[in-house]
Amino acid sequence: MRNSCMGAGLWLCSLNVKYRDFRYIVPFIVQFGLYISPVGFSSNVVPERWRLLYSLNPMVSVIDGFRWAILGGESTLFLPGFLLSLLLVIVIFVTGILYFRKVERTFADVI
């Protein structure tokens, strides 16, 4: 979870420095992410055919993993979605670091 947050944070701070108006978009992105994450509902209510697409949200696997660890047998972990989410977290983290390293040389010039 930390890597996903760090990768997203690196992307957002880099884009915020490069494009000044980007800071107004970030609250909408966060609010949208809260609505599509299964905090108040179980991800089992999502139809099976949409489950893999729904797992593109990295927080789905994190929240389902905590439910599975706490509730045990009552909650199931969707393994293909978990692996997809893990791959997505790695991609976001690596590309966030690469993009940040690319644009950090221009931060002092822009600020």
N, C-alpha and C. Protein backbone atom coordinates (compact mmCIF):
# COMPACT_ATOMS: atom_id res chain seq x y z
N MET A 1 0.82 -1.18 0.00
CA MET A 1 0.00 0.00 0.00
C MET A 1 0.87 1.24 0.00
N ARG A 2 1.95 1.23 0.75
CA ARG A 2 2.81 2.40 0.80
C ARG A 2 3.41 2.72 -0.54
N ASN A 3 3.80 1.69 -1.31
CA ASN A 3 4.40 1.93 -2.61
C ASN A 3 3.41 2.58 -3.56
N SER A 4 2.16 2.16 -3.51
CA SER A 4 1.14 2.75 -4.36
C SER A 4 0.93 4.22 -4.00
N CYS A 5 0.86 4.49 -2.71
CA CYS A 5 0.67 5.87 -2.27
C CYS A 5 1.88 6.73 -2.59
N MET A 6 3.07 6.15 -2.43
CA MET A 6 4.28 6.90 -2.74
C MET A 6 4.39 7.16 -4.24
N GLY A 7 4.07 6.17 -5.05
CA GLY A 7 4.10 6.35 -6.50
C GLY A 7 3.10 7.39 -6.95
N ALA A 8 1.88 7.31 -6.42
CA ALA A 8 0.86 8.30 -6.77
C ALA A 8 1.26 9.68 -6.27
N GLY A 9 1.85 9.74 -5.09
CA GLY A 9 2.31 11.02 -4.55
C GLY A 9 3.41 11.64 -5.39
N LEU A 10 4.33 10.82 -5.87
CA LEU A 10 5.39 11.33 -6.74
C LEU A 10 4.81 11.86 -8.05
N TRP A 11 3.86 11.13 -8.62
CA TRP A 11 3.20 11.59 -9.84
C TRP A 11 2.48 12.91 -9.60
N LEU A 12 1.69 12.97 -8.51
CA LEU A 12 0.88 14.16 -8.26
C LEU A 12 1.73 15.38 -7.94
N CYS A 13 2.79 15.21 -7.15
CA CYS A 13 3.62 16.39 -6.83
C CYS A 13 4.38 16.86 -8.05
N SER A 14 4.83 15.95 -8.89
CA SER A 14 5.53 16.34 -10.11
C SER A 14 4.60 17.08 -11.07
N LEU A 15 3.40 16.56 -11.23
CA LEU A 15 2.43 17.22 -12.10
C LEU A 15 1.96 18.54 -11.53
N ASN A 16 1.91 18.64 -10.21
CA ASN A 16 1.50 19.89 -9.57
C ASN A 16 2.52 20.99 -9.79
N VAL A 17 3.79 20.65 -9.76
CA VAL A 17 4.82 21.66 -10.01
C VAL A 17 4.83 22.06 -11.48
N LYS A 18 4.69 21.08 -12.36
CA LYS A 18 4.76 21.37 -13.79
C LYS A 18 3.53 22.12 -14.29
N TYR A 19 2.36 21.70 -13.82
CA TYR A 19 1.10 22.34 -14.21
C TYR A 19 0.44 22.90 -12.96
N ARG A 20 0.45 24.19 -12.80
CA ARG A 20 -0.03 24.83 -11.57
C ARG A 20 -1.50 24.55 -11.27
N ASP A 21 -2.33 24.43 -12.28
CA ASP A 21 -3.76 24.21 -12.07
C ASP A 21 -4.09 22.78 -11.69
N PHE A 22 -3.11 21.91 -11.69
CA PHE A 22 -3.34 20.50 -11.37
C PHE A 22 -3.77 20.31 -9.92
N ARG A 23 -3.40 21.24 -9.06
CA ARG A 23 -3.77 21.11 -7.64
C ARG A 23 -5.27 21.22 -7.42
N TYR A 24 -5.98 21.81 -8.35
CA TYR A 24 -7.43 21.88 -8.23
C TYR A 24 -8.11 20.58 -8.66
N ILE A 25 -7.43 19.76 -9.40
CA ILE A 25 -7.98 18.49 -9.87
C ILE A 25 -7.79 17.38 -8.83
N VAL A 26 -6.76 17.48 -8.03
CA VAL A 26 -6.41 16.43 -7.07
C VAL A 26 -7.55 16.10 -6.10
N PRO A 27 -8.25 17.07 -5.50
CA PRO A 27 -9.36 16.70 -4.61
C PRO A 27 -10.46 15.89 -5.30
N PHE A 28 -10.73 16.18 -6.56
CA PHE A 28 -11.73 15.41 -7.29
C PHE A 28 -11.27 13.98 -7.54
N ILE A 29 -9.98 13.82 -7.83
CA ILE A 29 -9.43 12.48 -8.04
C ILE A 29 -9.53 11.67 -6.75
N VAL A 30 -9.18 12.29 -5.62
CA VAL A 30 -9.24 11.60 -4.33
C VAL A 30 -10.68 11.24 -3.97
N GLN A 31 -11.60 12.16 -4.17
CA GLN A 31 -13.00 11.90 -3.85
C GLN A 31 -13.57 10.79 -4.74
N PHE A 32 -13.23 10.79 -6.00
CA PHE A 32 -13.68 9.74 -6.91
C PHE A 32 -13.10 8.39 -6.48
N GLY A 33 -11.84 8.39 -6.07
CA GLY A 33 -11.21 7.16 -5.59
C GLY A 33 -11.88 6.61 -4.35
N LEU A 34 -12.35 7.48 -3.46
CA LEU A 34 -13.06 7.03 -2.27
C LEU A 34 -14.40 6.40 -2.62
N TYR A 35 -15.07 6.93 -3.62
CA TYR A 35 -16.37 6.38 -4.00
C TYR A 35 -16.25 5.02 -4.68
N ILE A 36 -15.17 4.78 -5.41
CA ILE A 36 -15.06 3.50 -6.11
C ILE A 36 -14.29 2.46 -5.32
N SER A 37 -13.83 2.81 -4.12
CA SER A 37 -13.14 1.83 -3.27
C SER A 37 -14.17 1.14 -2.37
N PRO A 38 -14.02 -0.16 -2.12
CA PRO A 38 -15.03 -0.91 -1.36
C PRO A 38 -14.89 -0.74 0.15
N VAL A 39 -15.04 0.49 0.61
CA VAL A 39 -14.94 0.73 2.06
C VAL A 39 -16.27 0.44 2.73
N GLY A 40 -17.35 0.98 2.19
CA GLY A 40 -18.66 0.81 2.79
C GLY A 40 -19.42 -0.39 2.29
N PHE A 41 -18.87 -1.12 1.36
CA PHE A 41 -19.53 -2.29 0.80
C PHE A 41 -18.49 -3.34 0.49
N SER A 42 -18.94 -4.55 0.32
CA SER A 42 -18.04 -5.64 -0.03
C SER A 42 -17.83 -5.66 -1.53
N SER A 43 -16.63 -5.98 -1.96
CA SER A 43 -16.38 -6.03 -3.40
C SER A 43 -17.02 -7.26 -4.03
N ASN A 44 -17.61 -8.13 -3.22
CA ASN A 44 -18.34 -9.29 -3.76
C ASN A 44 -19.63 -8.88 -4.46
N VAL A 45 -20.11 -7.66 -4.22
CA VAL A 45 -21.34 -7.20 -4.88
C VAL A 45 -21.08 -6.83 -6.33
N VAL A 46 -19.81 -6.66 -6.70
CA VAL A 46 -19.46 -6.37 -8.09
C VAL A 46 -19.63 -7.65 -8.89
N PRO A 47 -20.34 -7.61 -10.02
CA PRO A 47 -20.53 -8.83 -10.82
C PRO A 47 -19.18 -9.43 -11.24
N GLU A 48 -19.17 -10.74 -11.37
CA GLU A 48 -17.93 -11.47 -11.65
C GLU A 48 -17.26 -11.02 -12.94
N ARG A 49 -18.04 -10.66 -13.94
CA ARG A 49 -17.44 -10.26 -15.22
C ARG A 49 -16.75 -8.89 -15.14
N TRP A 50 -17.09 -8.07 -14.15
CA TRP A 50 -16.47 -6.76 -13.98
C TRP A 50 -15.41 -6.75 -12.88
N ARG A 51 -15.22 -7.87 -12.23
CA ARG A 51 -14.32 -7.94 -11.07
C ARG A 51 -12.87 -7.60 -11.41
N LEU A 52 -12.37 -8.10 -12.55
CA LEU A 52 -10.99 -7.83 -12.93
C LEU A 52 -10.80 -6.36 -13.29
N LEU A 53 -11.76 -5.78 -13.98
CA LEU A 53 -11.69 -4.35 -14.30
C LEU A 53 -11.77 -3.52 -13.02
N TYR A 54 -12.61 -3.94 -12.10
CA TYR A 54 -12.74 -3.23 -10.81
C TYR A 54 -11.45 -3.31 -10.01
N SER A 55 -10.68 -4.36 -10.22
CA SER A 55 -9.43 -4.54 -9.48
C SER A 55 -8.32 -3.64 -9.98
N LEU A 56 -8.57 -2.86 -11.02
CA LEU A 56 -7.58 -1.88 -11.45
C LEU A 56 -7.39 -0.77 -10.41
N ASN A 57 -8.36 -0.63 -9.53
CA ASN A 57 -8.20 0.28 -8.40
C ASN A 57 -7.32 -0.42 -7.37
N PRO A 58 -6.11 0.06 -7.11
CA PRO A 58 -5.21 -0.65 -6.20
C PRO A 58 -5.76 -0.76 -4.78
N MET A 59 -6.65 0.10 -4.38
CA MET A 59 -7.18 0.06 -3.02
C MET A 59 -8.16 -1.09 -2.82
N VAL A 60 -8.70 -1.62 -3.89
CA VAL A 60 -9.64 -2.75 -3.78
C VAL A 60 -8.95 -3.94 -3.13
N SER A 61 -7.78 -4.28 -3.62
CA SER A 61 -7.05 -5.42 -3.05
C SER A 61 -6.56 -5.15 -1.64
N VAL A 62 -6.20 -3.92 -1.36
CA VAL A 62 -5.74 -3.58 -0.01
C VAL A 62 -6.89 -3.75 0.98
N ILE A 63 -8.04 -3.21 0.66
CA ILE A 63 -9.19 -3.28 1.56
C ILE A 63 -9.69 -4.72 1.67
N ASP A 64 -9.76 -5.43 0.54
CA ASP A 64 -10.17 -6.84 0.59
C ASP A 64 -9.16 -7.68 1.36
N GLY A 65 -7.88 -7.36 1.25
CA GLY A 65 -6.85 -8.08 2.00
C GLY A 65 -7.01 -7.89 3.50
N PHE A 66 -7.31 -6.66 3.92
CA PHE A 66 -7.55 -6.42 5.35
C PHE A 66 -8.80 -7.15 5.83
N ARG A 67 -9.85 -7.14 5.00
CA ARG A 67 -11.06 -7.88 5.37
C ARG A 67 -10.78 -9.37 5.50
N TRP A 68 -10.01 -9.91 4.56
CA TRP A 68 -9.67 -11.32 4.58
C TRP A 68 -8.83 -11.65 5.81
N ALA A 69 -7.89 -10.78 6.17
CA ALA A 69 -7.02 -11.04 7.33
C ALA A 69 -7.79 -10.95 8.64
N ILE A 70 -8.75 -10.04 8.72
CA ILE A 70 -9.48 -9.84 9.98
C ILE A 70 -10.64 -10.82 10.10
N LEU A 71 -11.41 -11.00 9.03
CA LEU A 71 -12.61 -11.83 9.10
C LEU A 71 -12.35 -13.30 8.82
N GLY A 72 -11.23 -13.60 8.20
CA GLY A 72 -10.89 -14.99 7.92
C GLY A 72 -11.75 -15.60 6.83
N GLY A 73 -12.43 -16.69 7.13
CA GLY A 73 -13.20 -17.44 6.14
C GLY A 73 -14.43 -16.73 5.63
N GLU A 74 -14.90 -15.71 6.33
CA GLU A 74 -16.11 -15.01 5.90
C GLU A 74 -15.88 -14.17 4.65
N SER A 75 -14.66 -13.77 4.43
CA SER A 75 -14.32 -12.93 3.29
C SER A 75 -13.37 -13.69 2.38
N THR A 76 -13.55 -13.51 1.08
CA THR A 76 -12.67 -14.19 0.13
C THR A 76 -11.78 -13.17 -0.56
N LEU A 77 -10.64 -13.63 -0.99
CA LEU A 77 -9.68 -12.79 -1.70
C LEU A 77 -9.69 -13.21 -3.17
N PHE A 78 -9.96 -12.26 -4.05
CA PHE A 78 -9.99 -12.50 -5.49
C PHE A 78 -8.56 -12.47 -6.00
N LEU A 79 -7.94 -13.64 -6.18
CA LEU A 79 -6.51 -13.76 -6.47
C LEU A 79 -6.11 -13.11 -7.80
N PRO A 80 -6.83 -13.28 -8.93
CA PRO A 80 -6.42 -12.59 -10.16
C PRO A 80 -6.44 -11.07 -10.00
N GLY A 81 -7.44 -10.56 -9.29
CA GLY A 81 -7.50 -9.13 -9.04
C GLY A 81 -6.38 -8.65 -8.14
N PHE A 82 -6.02 -9.48 -7.17
CA PHE A 82 -4.92 -9.14 -6.27
C PHE A 82 -3.60 -9.05 -7.03
N LEU A 83 -3.37 -10.01 -7.92
CA LEU A 83 -2.14 -10.00 -8.71
C LEU A 83 -2.11 -8.82 -9.69
N LEU A 84 -3.26 -8.51 -10.29
CA LEU A 84 -3.36 -7.35 -11.17
C LEU A 84 -3.09 -6.06 -10.40
N SER A 85 -3.64 -5.96 -9.22
CA SER A 85 -3.43 -4.79 -8.38
C SER A 85 -1.96 -4.66 -7.97
N LEU A 86 -1.34 -5.78 -7.65
CA LEU A 86 0.08 -5.77 -7.29
C LEU A 86 0.94 -5.30 -8.46
N LEU A 87 0.63 -5.77 -9.65
CA LEU A 87 1.35 -5.33 -10.84
C LEU A 87 1.14 -3.84 -11.09
N LEU A 88 -0.07 -3.37 -10.90
CA LEU A 88 -0.38 -1.96 -11.09
C LEU A 88 0.36 -1.09 -10.09
N VAL A 89 0.45 -1.54 -8.84
CA VAL A 89 1.18 -0.79 -7.82
C VAL A 89 2.65 -0.68 -8.19
N ILE A 90 3.23 -1.77 -8.67
CA ILE A 90 4.64 -1.74 -9.08
C ILE A 90 4.84 -0.77 -10.24
N VAL A 91 3.94 -0.80 -11.22
CA VAL A 91 4.05 0.10 -12.37
C VAL A 91 3.92 1.56 -11.94
N ILE A 92 2.95 1.87 -11.09
CA ILE A 92 2.76 3.24 -10.62
C ILE A 92 3.98 3.71 -9.83
N PHE A 93 4.52 2.83 -8.99
CA PHE A 93 5.68 3.18 -8.18
C PHE A 93 6.92 3.45 -9.04
N VAL A 94 7.21 2.56 -9.97
CA VAL A 94 8.41 2.71 -10.80
C VAL A 94 8.28 3.92 -11.73
N THR A 95 7.12 4.06 -12.39
CA THR A 95 6.96 5.21 -13.28
C THR A 95 6.91 6.52 -12.51
N GLY A 96 6.37 6.50 -11.29
CA GLY A 96 6.38 7.70 -10.46
C GLY A 96 7.80 8.14 -10.12
N ILE A 97 8.64 7.19 -9.76
CA ILE A 97 10.04 7.51 -9.46
C ILE A 97 10.74 8.03 -10.72
N LEU A 98 10.54 7.36 -11.85
CA LEU A 98 11.20 7.78 -13.09
C LEU A 98 10.75 9.17 -13.53
N TYR A 99 9.45 9.44 -13.45
CA TYR A 99 8.95 10.75 -13.87
C TYR A 99 9.42 11.84 -12.91
N PHE A 100 9.42 11.54 -11.62
CA PHE A 100 9.88 12.52 -10.64
C PHE A 100 11.35 12.86 -10.88
N ARG A 101 12.18 11.83 -11.11
CA ARG A 101 13.61 12.06 -11.36
C ARG A 101 13.82 12.86 -12.63
N LYS A 102 12.94 12.68 -13.60
CA LYS A 102 13.06 13.40 -14.87
C LYS A 102 12.76 14.89 -14.71
N VAL A 103 11.73 15.22 -13.94
CA VAL A 103 11.31 16.62 -13.85
C VAL A 103 11.85 17.34 -12.62
N GLU A 104 12.52 16.66 -11.72
CA GLU A 104 12.98 17.34 -10.51
C GLU A 104 14.07 18.35 -10.80
N ARG A 105 14.77 18.20 -11.91
CA ARG A 105 15.81 19.18 -12.27
C ARG A 105 15.22 20.54 -12.59
N THR A 106 13.95 20.55 -13.01
CA THR A 106 13.31 21.81 -13.39
C THR A 106 12.47 22.41 -12.26
N PHE A 107 12.41 21.77 -11.11
CA PHE A 107 11.57 22.28 -10.03
C PHE A 107 11.99 23.67 -9.59
N ALA A 108 13.27 23.89 -9.39
CA ALA A 108 13.74 25.20 -8.92
C ALA A 108 13.48 26.28 -9.94
N ASP A 109 13.53 25.96 -11.22
CA ASP A 109 13.26 26.94 -12.26
C ASP A 109 11.80 27.33 -12.31
N VAL A 110 10.92 26.36 -12.05
CA VAL A 110 9.49 26.61 -12.13
C VAL A 110 8.96 27.32 -10.88
N ILE A 111 9.46 26.89 -9.72
CA ILE A 111 8.99 27.46 -8.46
C ILE A 111 9.60 28.82 -8.28
